[in-house]
């Protein structure tokens, strides 16, 4: 499949045909990773972080403290 590189304000864009995007599981706004490897521009979906990776981002600086929840104030109780 042949595509064309287009100039846009912040760089360049390649239009991915819908059929190919569907095969790759891509949609508008989907995060991707771009790499130049072995002389090729490689486009691949960005994988979601694992739970361990997310937990590793928790630090004393970004960990919130406890809060008092108090008694029910509406219909949230049984």
Protein backbone atom coordinates (compact mmCIF):
# COMPACT_ATOMS: atom_id res chain seq x y z
CA UNK A 1 0.00 0.00 0.00
CA UNK A 2 1.37 3.40 -0.95
CA UNK A 3 0.66 6.55 1.07
CA UNK A 4 1.91 10.10 0.95
CA UNK A 5 3.56 12.26 3.62
CA UNK A 6 1.75 15.57 4.17
CA UNK A 7 3.14 18.70 5.82
CA UNK A 8 1.24 19.91 8.88
CA UNK A 9 1.98 22.76 11.35
CA UNK A 10 3.92 20.67 13.88
CA UNK A 11 5.61 18.17 11.57
CA UNK A 12 4.41 15.65 9.04
CA UNK A 13 1.37 13.36 8.75
CA UNK A 14 0.73 10.07 7.00
CA UNK A 15 -2.89 9.22 6.19
CA UNK A 16 -3.57 5.62 7.17
CA UNK A 17 -6.39 4.11 5.11
CA UNK A 18 -9.38 3.02 7.19
CA UNK A 19 -9.07 -0.64 6.21
CA UNK A 20 -5.44 -0.75 7.36
CA UNK A 21 -6.20 1.20 10.55
CA UNK A 22 -8.98 -1.26 11.36
CA UNK A 23 -6.62 -4.21 10.88
CA UNK A 24 -4.12 -2.57 13.26
CA UNK A 25 -6.82 -1.69 15.81
CA UNK A 26 -6.18 2.06 15.47
CA UNK A 27 -8.71 4.88 15.76
CA UNK A 28 -8.61 8.69 15.98
CA UNK A 29 -6.76 9.82 19.10
CA UNK A 30 -5.25 6.37 19.70
CA UNK A 31 -1.72 6.62 21.17
CA UNK A 32 1.03 5.17 18.99
CA UNK A 33 4.78 4.75 19.23
CA UNK A 34 7.01 5.84 16.33
CA UNK A 35 10.47 4.32 15.95
CA UNK A 36 13.15 4.35 13.30
CA UNK A 37 14.59 0.84 13.33
CA UNK A 38 16.60 -1.04 10.73
CA UNK A 39 16.14 1.75 8.20
CA UNK A 40 12.33 1.68 8.54
CA UNK A 41 9.84 3.98 10.19
CA UNK A 42 7.84 1.70 12.47
CA UNK A 43 4.38 2.65 13.74
CA UNK A 44 2.88 0.50 16.48
CA UNK A 45 0.07 0.87 19.02
CA UNK A 46 1.22 2.07 22.43
CA UNK A 47 0.62 -0.64 24.99
CA UNK A 48 -1.21 0.14 28.22
CA UNK A 49 0.95 0.27 31.34
CA UNK A 50 0.85 -2.76 33.62
CA UNK A 51 -0.39 -2.52 37.19
CA UNK A 52 3.20 -2.82 38.43
CA UNK A 53 4.24 0.11 36.21
CA UNK A 54 1.36 2.22 37.49
CA UNK A 55 2.13 1.37 41.13
CA UNK A 56 5.80 2.23 40.58
CA UNK A 57 4.73 5.81 39.77
CA UNK A 58 3.33 6.33 43.29
CA UNK A 59 5.64 8.45 45.41
CA UNK A 60 5.25 10.11 48.82
CA UNK A 61 4.88 13.43 46.96
CA UNK A 62 1.89 12.36 44.83
CA UNK A 63 0.17 10.10 47.39
CA UNK A 64 -2.87 11.80 48.89
CA UNK A 65 -3.69 11.55 52.55
CA UNK A 66 -6.73 10.12 54.25
CA UNK A 67 -10.04 11.94 54.50
CA UNK A 68 -12.97 11.61 56.85
CA UNK A 69 -16.00 10.23 55.05
CA UNK A 70 -18.51 10.83 57.85
CA UNK A 71 -22.00 9.38 58.09
CA UNK A 72 -24.28 8.90 55.03
CA UNK A 73 -25.90 12.14 53.88
CA UNK A 74 -28.27 10.88 51.19
CA UNK A 75 -29.62 7.69 49.72
CA UNK A 76 -26.21 6.00 49.35
CA UNK A 77 -26.89 3.74 52.30
CA UNK A 78 -28.93 0.53 52.27
